[in-house]
Amino acid sequence: MARFNLSVYLPSLTLRGLIKGIVYALLLGGVYYGMLVYLLHLWENEDFSHCYLIPVVTLYLIWEKRAELARLPSVPSWTGLIPIGIGIVFFWLGELGGEYFTLNMSFWLVIVGLLWLHLGWLKIKTIWFALIMMLAMFPFPNFITTRITLQLRLISSKLGVWMLHLYGMSAYREGNVIDLGFTQLQVVDACSGLRYVMPLMVLSLLLAYWFSAHWWKKTVLFLSAIPLAIVVNSFRIAATGVLYSMFGAEVAEGFFHGFSGWLIFMFAIPFLLFEMWALRRIPPRGPRDEGSAKGVEGRGKREAQNLREALLRPKFIVAVAILLLTFGLSQGIEFRQKIPINKSFGQFPMQIGEWQGAREDMEQQFLDVLKFSDYIMVNYKNSQGKAINFYVAYYQDQRKGEAIHSPETCLPSSGWEFKEAGNATIPAAGGKPSMRVNRSFMEKGNVRELVYYWFPQRGRILTNLYQLKVYAFWDSLTRQRTDGAMVRVITDVDKEEKLSDAEARLQEFIGKVTPVLDEYIPK
């Protein structure tokens, strides 16, 4: 019976290498445990379910290079400490700033650095594509995903209506709602096409990597996945409307709605293969001569014998020490004190000048997601019957998964369409300086609203999430504080009302409520 030899499949694997790999895996698991748990939670979302396959694809791409890796010598290099060092900086930015995506990038940089430290640049270059592919397992930050989803929904709705018109059906679009006359189809986040765009981009990237052609053809093949996914998803939306008219809601929203996702890939994959066939016939034909890799092995052998024993052990000790120190500091030192609110929002007055308020309670499902320490939500009305919704959420400390949620990401996902977005200045009043806030004018169906929001953070008034993360990181280091709040003020804008009147109403109310709010939020 033939003896199974693992070294045939993993030529670089030795007992020493295996032990080091286990040590590194345990340390990385300890340092990045919270990030890895959250990452797996994100993968449960159908938009990111393809991420489960990325680690397998990455390992296969490395295994595919096994013969070339076996021929190349390992030339350990202290240069690997550069990406490790940058990764550790990213770790603390993400850990103290409460940003998971920064932690994702830290995890990737540290892995690349460890490989570079022990294997050397020649082997890193050999598996560069596998390392790049690893990045596909990290979903974009929520505020980026929300914006992409919103745009995809709008584009898919427009194309879907155009296709219905081509078919001969009467259809009218208002925002993300398609009115067919006999029923309405709402293009929600799940129908945006994001769950098709990302997997098709990964698939086209793999095909481009294996496509033996000029670089510009590879680029065209990769980028074509985006319009392809959008067009096919729009066809799916249009087909849903057609089937609704023919067979009713059970078919349109039942079997077809789920199975149509598979139809997208059944159509898209042959199209990408056809595109490769067509691109191959466009000059220049065949792969561009990128030069030979001959002599690569010889360049490393001169250094390998000297460095292997002299530097390998110190590199391992330094890398382990860095990871152990990072793990110890992150687990052993509390960088955030819990700063309680000055007074409970339960004591917040319901009378602000001429404005009379009625408190509103938030549903438990939102409380579980937002995870604030205290909040207030009040509907105020004046003597003319004009209404203002006043909402404040306070966090006694901000951590990963327990940080402020910006209306910029929440409102579009609720169906609101931003018509105007920018900043506004609240004039100085009562000895207080003028205040710069975010301003948005938005619509949802026939409803129009004007929104002002800002972030009081430890004596500062901030207006964007980037500022929140940077100051949270800095204040956690220098002041051991990450407490803060989010304030949102909304008023309806009637169709016959001028937008300037709504602006004046909001600014007048904010001028009166801000001094009261200052008594509650710690400076």
Protein backbone atom coordinates (compact mmCIF):
# COMPACT_ATOMS: atom_id res chain seq x y z
CA MET A 1 0.00 0.00 0.00
CA ALA A 2 1.36 3.41 -0.95
CA ARG A 3 2.31 5.58 1.99
CA PHE A 4 0.52 8.93 2.25
CA ASN A 5 3.05 11.76 2.26
CA LEU A 6 1.64 15.10 3.40
CA SER A 7 4.74 16.93 2.21
CA VAL A 8 3.70 16.22 -1.36
CA TYR A 9 0.65 18.44 -0.87
CA LEU A 10 2.13 20.90 1.62
CA PRO A 11 5.82 20.95 0.78
CA SER A 12 6.72 23.74 3.20
CA LEU A 13 5.02 22.12 6.18
CA THR A 14 7.42 21.06 8.96
CA LEU A 15 6.83 20.23 12.61
CA ARG A 16 8.42 23.53 13.59
CA GLY A 17 6.25 25.40 11.09
CA LEU A 18 3.13 23.59 12.29
CA ILE A 19 3.83 24.51 15.92
CA LYS A 20 4.40 28.14 14.99
CA GLY A 21 1.20 28.17 12.97
CA ILE A 22 -0.76 26.85 15.96
CA VAL A 23 0.79 29.46 18.28
CA TYR A 24 -0.03 32.26 15.85
CA ALA A 25 -3.57 30.96 15.34
CA LEU A 26 -4.21 30.93 19.10
CA LEU A 27 -2.80 34.44 19.53
CA LEU A 28 -4.72 35.85 16.58
CA GLY A 29 -7.88 34.16 17.85
CA GLY A 30 -7.40 35.80 21.25
CA VAL A 31 -6.59 39.27 19.94
CA TYR A 32 -9.32 39.32 17.27
CA TYR A 33 -11.94 37.14 18.98
CA GLY A 34 -14.63 39.87 19.10
CA MET A 35 -14.03 40.83 15.48
CA LEU A 36 -14.18 37.20 14.27
CA VAL A 37 -17.45 36.56 16.13
CA TYR A 38 -18.99 39.70 14.63
CA LEU A 39 -17.67 38.75 11.18
CA LEU A 40 -19.41 35.36 11.37
CA HIS A 41 -22.56 37.16 12.44
CA LEU A 42 -22.37 39.39 9.36
CA TRP A 43 -21.97 36.35 7.12
CA GLU A 44 -25.39 35.13 8.28
CA ASN A 45 -26.86 38.04 6.30
CA GLU A 46 -27.81 36.76 2.84
CA ASP A 47 -26.05 39.74 1.24
CA PHE A 48 -22.74 38.42 2.58
CA SER A 49 -23.32 34.66 2.66
CA HIS A 50 -20.79 34.23 -0.16
CA CYS A 51 -18.07 35.23 2.34
CA TYR A 52 -18.20 31.72 3.83
CA LEU A 53 -16.51 30.46 0.65
CA ILE A 54 -13.69 33.02 0.57
CA PRO A 55 -11.40 31.25 3.11
CA VAL A 56 -11.81 28.01 1.14
CA VAL A 57 -11.05 29.78 -2.16
CA THR A 58 -8.01 31.45 -0.58
CA LEU A 59 -6.62 28.13 0.65
CA TYR A 60 -7.19 26.57 -2.76
CA LEU A 61 -5.33 29.42 -4.49
CA ILE A 62 -2.37 28.86 -2.15
CA TRP A 63 -2.53 25.09 -2.69
CA GLU A 64 -2.52 25.70 -6.44
CA LYS A 65 0.90 27.35 -6.02
CA ARG A 66 2.30 24.49 -3.91
CA ALA A 67 4.88 23.38 -6.49
CA GLU A 68 6.24 26.87 -7.02
CA LEU A 69 6.32 27.51 -3.27
CA ALA A 70 8.28 24.30 -2.79
CA ARG A 71 10.91 25.38 -5.31
CA LEU A 72 11.37 28.83 -3.74
CA PRO A 73 13.48 29.13 -0.58
CA SER A 74 12.07 30.80 2.52
CA VAL A 75 14.02 34.03 3.07
CA PRO A 76 12.74 35.47 6.37
CA SER A 77 12.73 39.26 6.44
CA TRP A 78 12.34 41.81 9.19
CA THR A 79 10.42 43.90 6.62
CA GLY A 80 7.37 41.84 7.63
CA LEU A 81 7.25 43.88 10.83
CA ILE A 82 6.08 46.90 8.78
CA PRO A 83 2.61 45.48 7.88
CA ILE A 84 2.44 43.94 11.38
CA GLY A 85 3.11 47.35 12.92
CA ILE A 86 0.54 49.06 10.68
CA GLY A 87 -1.91 46.27 11.52
CA ILE A 88 -1.43 46.84 15.27
CA VAL A 89 -2.08 50.58 14.79
CA PHE A 90 -5.26 49.69 12.89
CA PHE A 91 -6.21 47.32 15.71
CA TRP A 92 -6.13 50.09 18.29
CA LEU A 93 -7.93 52.49 15.95
CA GLY A 94 -10.71 49.93 15.55
CA GLU A 95 -10.70 48.72 19.16
CA LEU A 96 -10.81 52.15 20.78
CA GLY A 97 -12.75 53.86 17.98
CA GLY A 98 -15.40 51.13 17.88
CA GLU A 99 -14.99 50.33 14.17
CA TYR A 100 -15.05 46.69 13.02
CA PHE A 101 -13.87 47.30 9.46
CA THR A 102 -10.61 48.80 10.76
CA LEU A 103 -10.17 45.63 12.82
CA ASN A 104 -10.75 43.56 9.67
CA MET A 105 -7.95 45.41 7.88
CA SER A 106 -5.73 44.98 10.94
CA PHE A 107 -6.32 41.22 10.92
CA TRP A 108 -5.40 41.00 7.24
CA LEU A 109 -2.28 43.16 7.59
CA VAL A 110 -0.99 41.13 10.54
CA ILE A 111 -1.44 37.85 8.62
CA VAL A 112 0.40 39.28 5.60
CA GLY A 113 3.14 40.57 7.90
CA LEU A 114 3.61 37.22 9.62
CA LEU A 115 3.89 35.43 6.28
CA TRP A 116 6.37 38.03 5.03
CA LEU A 117 8.34 37.79 8.27
CA HIS A 118 8.86 34.02 7.98
CA LEU A 119 8.57 33.19 4.27
CA GLY A 120 10.04 36.28 2.64
CA TRP A 121 9.02 38.50 -0.26
CA LEU A 122 9.49 35.91 -3.03
CA LYS A 123 6.84 33.62 -1.61
CA ILE A 124 4.54 36.55 -0.78
CA LYS A 125 4.69 37.56 -4.47
CA THR A 126 3.84 33.99 -5.45
CA ILE A 127 0.60 33.96 -3.42
CA TRP A 128 -0.25 37.66 -3.79
CA PHE A 129 -3.60 36.99 -5.45
CA ALA A 130 -4.70 34.63 -2.68
CA LEU A 131 -3.88 37.32 -0.11
CA ILE A 132 -5.85 39.91 -2.08
CA MET A 133 -8.76 37.46 -2.34
CA MET A 134 -8.84 37.28 1.47
CA LEU A 135 -10.11 40.86 1.53
CA ALA A 136 -13.36 39.71 -0.10
CA MET A 137 -14.41 38.02 3.15
CA PHE A 138 -14.71 41.41 4.90
CA PRO A 139 -18.02 43.24 4.15
CA PHE A 140 -17.85 46.98 3.66
CA PRO A 141 -18.68 49.24 6.65
CA ASN A 142 -22.38 49.69 7.22
CA PHE A 143 -22.52 53.32 6.06
CA ILE A 144 -20.90 52.34 2.73
CA THR A 145 -23.12 49.27 2.31
CA THR A 146 -26.22 51.36 2.99
CA ARG A 147 -25.29 53.90 0.31
CA ILE A 148 -24.49 51.19 -2.23
CA THR A 149 -27.76 49.41 -1.46
CA LEU A 150 -29.75 52.63 -1.84
CA GLN A 151 -28.23 53.40 -5.25
CA LEU A 152 -28.67 49.81 -6.45
CA ARG A 153 -32.33 49.89 -5.42
CA LEU A 154 -32.94 53.09 -7.38
CA ILE A 155 -31.14 51.83 -10.50
CA SER A 156 -32.84 48.41 -10.34
CA SER A 157 -36.26 50.07 -9.93
CA LYS A 158 -35.73 52.34 -12.93
CA LEU A 159 -34.49 49.53 -15.19
CA GLY A 160 -37.23 47.21 -13.95
CA VAL A 161 -39.93 49.73 -14.93
CA TRP A 162 -38.26 50.28 -18.32
CA MET A 163 -38.30 46.52 -18.96
CA LEU A 164 -41.97 46.32 -17.95
CA HIS A 165 -42.73 49.08 -20.45
CA LEU A 166 -40.89 47.12 -23.15
CA TYR A 167 -43.05 44.11 -22.31
CA GLY A 168 -46.14 46.31 -22.72
CA MET A 169 -47.22 46.57 -19.10
CA SER A 170 -48.24 49.81 -17.50
CA ALA A 171 -45.95 50.64 -14.60
CA TYR A 172 -45.18 53.79 -12.64
CA ARG A 173 -42.24 54.25 -10.28
CA GLU A 174 -42.20 56.50 -7.22
CA GLY A 175 -38.91 56.12 -5.40
CA ASN A 176 -38.46 52.40 -4.82
CA VAL A 177 -42.15 51.56 -5.23
CA ILE A 178 -43.36 50.24 -8.61
CA ASP A 179 -47.09 50.79 -9.11
CA LEU A 180 -48.58 48.23 -11.52
CA GLY A 181 -52.13 49.51 -11.14
CA PHE A 182 -53.51 46.29 -9.66
CA THR A 183 -50.75 46.10 -7.01
CA GLN A 184 -47.52 47.73 -5.88
CA LEU A 185 -44.05 46.18 -5.79
CA GLN A 186 -41.61 47.62 -3.27
CA VAL A 187 -37.94 47.19 -4.13
CA VAL A 188 -36.59 46.68 -0.61
CA ASP A 189 -32.97 46.22 0.48
CA ALA A 190 -33.13 42.48 -0.24
CA CYS A 191 -34.01 43.26 -3.86
CA SER A 192 -31.26 45.82 -4.35
CA GLY A 193 -29.00 43.29 -6.04
CA LEU A 194 -26.13 43.67 -3.54
CA ARG A 195 -26.21 39.95 -2.82
CA TYR A 196 -25.62 39.33 -6.54
CA VAL A 197 -23.13 42.12 -7.24
CA MET A 198 -20.59 41.03 -4.64
CA PRO A 199 -20.51 37.28 -5.48
CA LEU A 200 -20.38 38.05 -9.21
CA MET A 201 -17.49 40.45 -8.66
CA VAL A 202 -15.61 37.75 -6.75
CA LEU A 203 -16.39 35.23 -9.50
CA SER A 204 -15.30 37.61 -12.26
CA LEU A 205 -12.11 38.40 -10.32
CA LEU A 206 -11.27 34.68 -10.21
CA LEU A 207 -12.03 34.29 -13.91
CA ALA A 208 -9.87 37.32 -14.70
CA TYR A 209 -7.02 35.83 -12.66
CA TRP A 210 -7.16 32.57 -14.61
CA PHE A 211 -7.84 34.34 -17.93
CA SER A 212 -4.68 34.16 -20.05
CA ALA A 213 -5.01 37.56 -21.72
CA HIS A 214 -3.78 41.15 -21.75
CA TRP A 215 -4.30 43.09 -18.51
CA TRP A 216 -6.95 45.42 -19.98
CA LYS A 217 -9.07 42.42 -20.98
CA LYS A 218 -8.86 41.11 -17.42
CA THR A 219 -9.96 44.53 -16.17
CA VAL A 220 -12.95 44.66 -18.54
CA LEU A 221 -14.00 41.15 -17.50
CA PHE A 222 -13.82 42.06 -13.80
CA LEU A 223 -15.66 45.38 -14.07
CA SER A 224 -18.40 43.93 -16.29
CA ALA A 225 -19.74 41.99 -13.31
CA ILE A 226 -21.28 45.18 -11.84
CA PRO A 227 -23.56 46.21 -14.76
CA LEU A 228 -24.28 42.54 -15.44
CA ALA A 229 -25.59 41.98 -11.91
CA ILE A 230 -27.66 45.17 -12.02
CA VAL A 231 -29.25 44.38 -15.40
CA VAL A 232 -30.07 40.78 -14.47
CA ASN A 233 -31.50 41.86 -11.10
CA SER A 234 -33.66 44.45 -12.87
CA PHE A 235 -34.90 41.70 -15.19
CA ARG A 236 -35.78 39.65 -12.09
CA ILE A 237 -37.82 42.56 -10.71
CA ALA A 238 -39.61 43.02 -14.05
CA ALA A 239 -40.28 39.26 -14.28
CA THR A 240 -41.79 39.39 -10.78
CA GLY A 241 -44.24 42.04 -11.98
CA VAL A 242 -45.16 40.00 -15.07
CA LEU A 243 -45.71 36.82 -13.05
CA TYR A 244 -47.75 38.79 -10.51
CA SER A 245 -50.16 39.82 -13.27
CA MET A 246 -50.39 36.26 -14.62
CA PHE A 247 -50.39 34.01 -11.54
CA GLY A 248 -50.84 36.26 -8.51
CA ALA A 249 -48.78 36.98 -5.41
CA GLU A 250 -48.14 33.34 -4.44
CA VAL A 251 -45.95 32.70 -7.47
CA ALA A 252 -44.38 36.16 -7.68
CA GLU A 253 -43.44 36.41 -4.01
CA GLY A 254 -43.05 32.73 -3.27
CA PHE A 255 -41.15 30.19 -5.31
CA PHE A 256 -39.96 32.51 -8.08
CA HIS A 257 -38.70 35.22 -5.71
CA GLY A 258 -36.35 32.73 -4.09
CA PHE A 259 -35.45 30.68 -7.15
CA SER A 260 -34.81 33.74 -9.31
CA GLY A 261 -31.58 34.32 -7.43
CA TRP A 262 -30.25 31.08 -8.87
CA LEU A 263 -31.50 32.14 -12.30
CA ILE A 264 -29.28 35.20 -12.10
CA PHE A 265 -26.16 33.07 -11.71
CA MET A 266 -27.36 30.57 -14.34
CA PHE A 267 -27.49 33.47 -16.80
CA ALA A 268 -24.49 35.48 -15.56
CA ILE A 269 -21.90 32.69 -15.55
CA PRO A 270 -22.42 31.72 -19.23
CA PHE A 271 -22.36 35.42 -20.10
CA LEU A 272 -18.97 35.88 -18.39
CA LEU A 273 -17.62 32.82 -20.17
CA PHE A 274 -18.90 34.16 -23.49
CA GLU A 275 -17.28 37.51 -22.70
CA MET A 276 -13.95 35.72 -22.16
CA TRP A 277 -14.37 33.97 -25.53
CA ALA A 278 -15.09 37.31 -27.25
CA LEU A 279 -12.25 39.18 -25.54
CA ARG A 280 -9.79 36.46 -26.52
CA ARG A 281 -10.49 37.23 -30.19
CA ILE A 282 -9.78 40.94 -29.85
CA PRO A 283 -6.13 41.95 -30.52
CA PRO A 284 -3.70 41.62 -28.88
CA ARG A 285 -4.34 37.90 -28.72
CA GLY A 286 -2.77 35.77 -26.02
CA PRO A 287 -1.14 36.84 -22.79
CA ARG A 288 1.30 39.71 -22.80
CA ASP A 289 4.88 38.62 -22.20
CA GLU A 290 5.55 39.66 -18.64
CA GLY A 291 9.07 38.26 -18.56
CA SER A 292 10.45 35.09 -17.14
CA ALA A 293 10.70 34.04 -13.53
CA LYS A 294 13.94 32.20 -14.16
CA GLY A 295 16.65 32.76 -11.66
CA VAL A 296 14.23 33.53 -8.82
CA GLU A 297 15.28 30.49 -6.88
CA GLY A 298 18.96 31.32 -7.21
CA ARG A 299 18.50 34.85 -5.88
CA GLY A 300 17.20 33.59 -2.57
CA LYS A 301 19.49 30.65 -1.95
CA ARG A 302 22.51 32.82 -1.22
CA GLU A 303 20.78 34.33 1.80
CA ALA A 304 18.61 31.44 2.93
CA GLN A 305 21.25 29.39 4.71
CA ASN A 306 22.57 32.34 6.70
CA LEU A 307 19.20 33.83 7.64
CA ARG A 308 17.24 30.70 8.33
CA GLU A 309 18.90 29.76 11.61
CA ALA A 310 20.18 33.18 12.61
CA LEU A 311 16.97 35.19 12.19
CA LEU A 312 14.06 32.80 12.19
CA ARG A 313 13.95 32.31 15.94
CA PRO A 314 14.26 36.03 16.83
CA LYS A 315 11.53 36.90 14.33
CA PHE A 316 9.19 34.36 15.87
CA ILE A 317 9.89 35.66 19.38
CA VAL A 318 9.34 39.30 18.35
CA ALA A 319 6.08 38.52 16.51
CA VAL A 320 4.75 36.48 19.45
CA ALA A 321 5.76 39.23 21.87
CA ILE A 322 3.91 41.87 19.82
CA LEU A 323 0.73 39.78 19.67
CA LEU A 324 0.93 38.85 23.37
CA LEU A 325 1.43 42.49 24.35
CA THR A 326 -1.51 43.57 22.17
CA PHE A 327 -3.70 40.84 23.67
CA GLY A 328 -2.64 41.71 27.21
CA LEU A 329 -3.25 45.44 26.82
CA SER A 330 -6.62 44.93 25.12
CA GLN A 331 -7.82 42.53 27.83
CA GLY A 332 -6.05 43.88 30.90
CA ILE A 333 -6.48 47.66 30.62
CA GLU A 334 -9.83 49.44 30.54
CA PHE A 335 -9.48 52.40 28.19
CA ARG A 336 -13.09 53.56 28.66
CA GLN A 337 -14.68 54.75 31.85
CA LYS A 338 -18.45 54.61 32.01
CA ILE A 339 -19.58 58.24 32.29
CA PRO A 340 -23.20 58.36 33.50
CA ILE A 341 -25.58 60.96 32.17
CA ASN A 342 -25.89 64.06 34.37
CA LYS A 343 -29.63 63.61 34.79
CA SER A 344 -31.92 60.88 33.52
CA PHE A 345 -33.83 61.75 30.36
CA GLY A 346 -36.91 60.72 32.31
CA GLN A 347 -36.72 64.18 33.89
CA PHE A 348 -36.53 66.03 30.56
CA PRO A 349 -39.21 68.77 30.44
CA MET A 350 -42.21 68.36 28.17
CA GLN A 351 -42.58 72.13 27.88
CA ILE A 352 -39.91 73.98 25.83
CA GLY A 353 -41.00 77.60 25.40
CA GLU A 354 -44.29 77.45 23.48
CA TRP A 355 -43.68 73.82 22.51
CA GLN A 356 -45.70 71.18 24.36
CA GLY A 357 -44.38 67.61 24.15
CA ALA A 358 -45.68 64.04 24.40
CA ARG A 359 -43.14 61.32 25.15
CA GLU A 360 -42.86 58.39 22.73
CA ASP A 361 -41.46 54.95 23.62
CA MET A 362 -39.21 52.99 21.29
CA GLU A 363 -39.96 49.37 20.43
CA GLN A 364 -37.83 46.72 22.13
CA GLN A 365 -36.38 45.43 18.85
CA PHE A 366 -34.78 48.84 18.26
CA LEU A 367 -33.59 49.09 21.85
CA ASP A 368 -31.80 45.76 21.43
CA VAL A 369 -30.00 46.99 18.31
CA LEU A 370 -29.10 50.54 19.36
CA LYS A 371 -27.79 49.60 22.84
CA PHE A 372 -27.69 53.15 24.22
CA SER A 373 -27.51 53.97 27.93
CA ASP A 374 -30.42 56.41 27.95
CA TYR A 375 -32.67 58.06 25.39
CA ILE A 376 -35.54 60.43 24.93
CA MET A 377 -38.01 60.69 22.05
CA VAL A 378 -40.65 63.42 22.23
CA ASN A 379 -43.16 64.84 19.76
CA TYR A 380 -43.44 68.58 20.42
CA LYS A 381 -46.21 70.82 19.01
CA ASN A 382 -46.67 74.57 19.07
CA SER A 383 -49.83 76.63 19.17
CA GLN A 384 -50.07 76.61 15.33
CA GLY A 385 -50.15 72.79 15.33
CA LYS A 386 -46.68 72.44 13.80
CA ALA A 387 -44.84 69.34 15.05
CA ILE A 388 -41.19 68.57 15.78
CA ASN A 389 -39.84 65.16 16.66
CA PHE A 390 -36.95 65.42 19.14
CA TYR A 391 -34.72 62.36 19.70
CA VAL A 392 -31.52 62.02 21.73
CA ALA A 393 -29.55 58.83 22.41
CA TYR A 394 -26.79 58.87 25.05
CA TYR A 395 -23.96 56.33 25.36
CA GLN A 396 -21.95 56.25 28.58
CA ASP A 397 -19.18 54.55 26.60
CA GLN A 398 -18.87 53.50 22.96
CA ARG A 399 -17.50 50.10 22.04
CA LYS A 400 -17.53 47.84 18.99
CA GLY A 401 -21.16 47.12 18.20
CA GLU A 402 -22.32 49.59 20.87
CA ALA A 403 -21.64 52.91 19.20
CA ILE A 404 -23.73 55.73 17.81
CA HIS A 405 -25.85 55.00 14.73
CA SER A 406 -26.02 57.93 12.34
CA PRO A 407 -29.32 58.89 10.65
CA GLU A 408 -27.27 59.05 7.46
CA THR A 409 -27.17 55.24 7.45
CA CYS A 410 -30.47 54.43 9.16
CA LEU A 411 -32.94 56.68 7.33
CA PRO A 412 -32.14 55.62 3.71
CA SER A 413 -32.52 51.96 4.68
CA SER A 414 -36.01 52.82 5.99
CA GLY A 415 -37.09 54.01 2.55
CA TRP A 416 -36.36 57.73 2.86
CA GLU A 417 -34.84 59.37 -0.20
CA PHE A 418 -32.42 62.21 0.52
CA LYS A 419 -33.14 65.17 -1.78
CA GLU A 420 -30.66 67.53 -0.15
CA ALA A 421 -27.84 66.78 2.26
CA GLY A 422 -25.26 69.11 3.73
CA ASN A 423 -24.70 71.34 6.73
CA ALA A 424 -26.51 74.18 8.44
CA THR A 425 -25.43 76.71 11.05
CA ILE A 426 -27.56 77.37 14.11
CA PRO A 427 -27.15 81.07 14.97
CA ALA A 428 -25.60 82.06 18.29
CA ALA A 429 -28.13 82.60 21.08
CA GLY A 430 -28.08 83.12 24.83
CA GLY A 431 -24.35 83.60 25.02
CA LYS A 432 -23.70 80.30 23.23
CA PRO A 433 -21.61 80.22 20.02
CA SER A 434 -23.14 79.29 16.69
CA MET A 435 -23.35 75.55 16.07
CA ARG A 436 -22.75 73.65 12.83
CA VAL A 437 -25.05 70.65 12.31
CA ASN A 438 -25.98 68.16 9.57
CA ARG A 439 -29.01 69.03 7.48
CA SER A 440 -31.06 66.74 5.23
CA PHE A 441 -34.25 67.28 3.26
CA MET A 442 -35.87 63.95 2.41
CA GLU A 443 -39.01 62.40 0.96
CA LYS A 444 -40.87 59.13 1.35
CA GLY A 445 -43.91 58.86 -0.87
CA ASN A 446 -45.89 62.07 -0.36
CA VAL A 447 -44.25 62.88 2.97
CA ARG A 448 -41.48 65.50 3.12
CA GLU A 449 -39.30 66.08 6.16
CA LEU A 450 -36.43 68.34 7.16
CA VAL A 451 -33.85 66.81 9.50
CA TYR A 452 -31.09 68.36 11.60
CA TYR A 453 -28.73 66.11 13.54
CA TRP A 454 -25.40 66.38 15.34
CA PHE A 455 -23.20 64.50 17.81
CA PRO A 456 -22.32 66.09 21.20
CA GLN A 457 -19.09 64.29 22.18
CA ARG A 458 -17.28 65.21 25.41
CA GLY A 459 -17.56 68.97 24.91
CA ARG A 460 -17.37 68.88 21.10
CA ILE A 461 -20.10 69.13 18.47
CA LEU A 462 -19.22 66.68 15.67
CA THR A 463 -21.00 66.15 12.37
CA ASN A 464 -19.67 62.95 10.77
CA LEU A 465 -18.75 59.38 11.65
CA TYR A 466 -15.08 59.81 10.76
CA GLN A 467 -14.74 62.50 13.43
CA LEU A 468 -16.54 60.24 15.89
CA LYS A 469 -14.06 57.41 15.37
CA VAL A 470 -10.94 59.58 15.49
CA TYR A 471 -11.95 61.45 18.65
CA ALA A 472 -13.18 58.26 20.33
CA PHE A 473 -9.74 56.73 19.73
CA TRP A 474 -7.89 59.83 20.95
CA ASP A 475 -10.08 60.48 24.00
CA SER A 476 -9.94 56.84 25.09
CA LEU A 477 -6.14 57.12 25.15
CA THR A 478 -5.86 60.56 26.74
CA ARG A 479 -9.04 60.87 28.82
CA GLN A 480 -10.32 57.28 29.16
CA ARG A 481 -13.68 58.52 27.86
CA THR A 482 -15.79 57.58 24.85
CA ASP A 483 -19.18 58.79 26.10
CA GLY A 484 -21.31 60.82 23.74
CA ALA A 485 -24.73 61.44 22.26
CA MET A 486 -26.62 61.81 19.01
CA VAL A 487 -29.32 64.49 18.64
CA ARG A 488 -31.88 64.38 15.82
CA VAL A 489 -34.63 66.95 15.22
CA ILE A 490 -37.26 66.44 12.49
CA THR A 491 -40.16 68.52 11.25
CA ASP A 492 -42.69 67.82 8.49
CA VAL A 493 -42.70 70.10 5.47
CA ASP A 494 -46.19 70.51 4.07
CA LYS A 495 -46.52 70.73 0.30
CA GLU A 496 -47.83 74.28 0.49
CA GLU A 497 -45.15 75.29 2.99
CA LYS A 498 -41.87 76.93 2.07
CA LEU A 499 -38.74 75.05 3.04
CA SER A 500 -37.35 78.24 4.58
CA ASP A 501 -40.28 78.31 7.04
CA ALA A 502 -39.44 74.78 8.19
CA GLU A 503 -35.78 75.82 8.52
CA ALA A 504 -36.74 78.76 10.74
CA ARG A 505 -38.99 76.54 12.87
CA LEU A 506 -36.25 73.96 13.48
CA GLN A 507 -33.61 76.55 14.26
CA GLU A 508 -35.88 78.41 16.65
CA PHE A 509 -36.68 75.16 18.52
CA ILE A 510 -33.01 74.08 18.63
CA GLY A 511 -32.05 77.46 20.07
CA LYS A 512 -34.46 76.85 22.97
CA VAL A 513 -33.85 73.14 23.59
CA THR A 514 -30.02 73.14 23.42
CA PRO A 515 -29.46 74.95 26.78
CA VAL A 516 -31.81 72.45 28.42
CA LEU A 517 -30.03 69.51 26.80
CA ASP A 518 -26.66 70.78 28.05
CA GLU A 519 -27.82 70.07 31.62
CA TYR A 520 -28.12 66.35 30.81
CA ILE A 521 -25.11 65.49 28.62
CA PRO A 522 -21.69 65.47 30.35
CA LYS A 523 -19.06 67.87 28.99
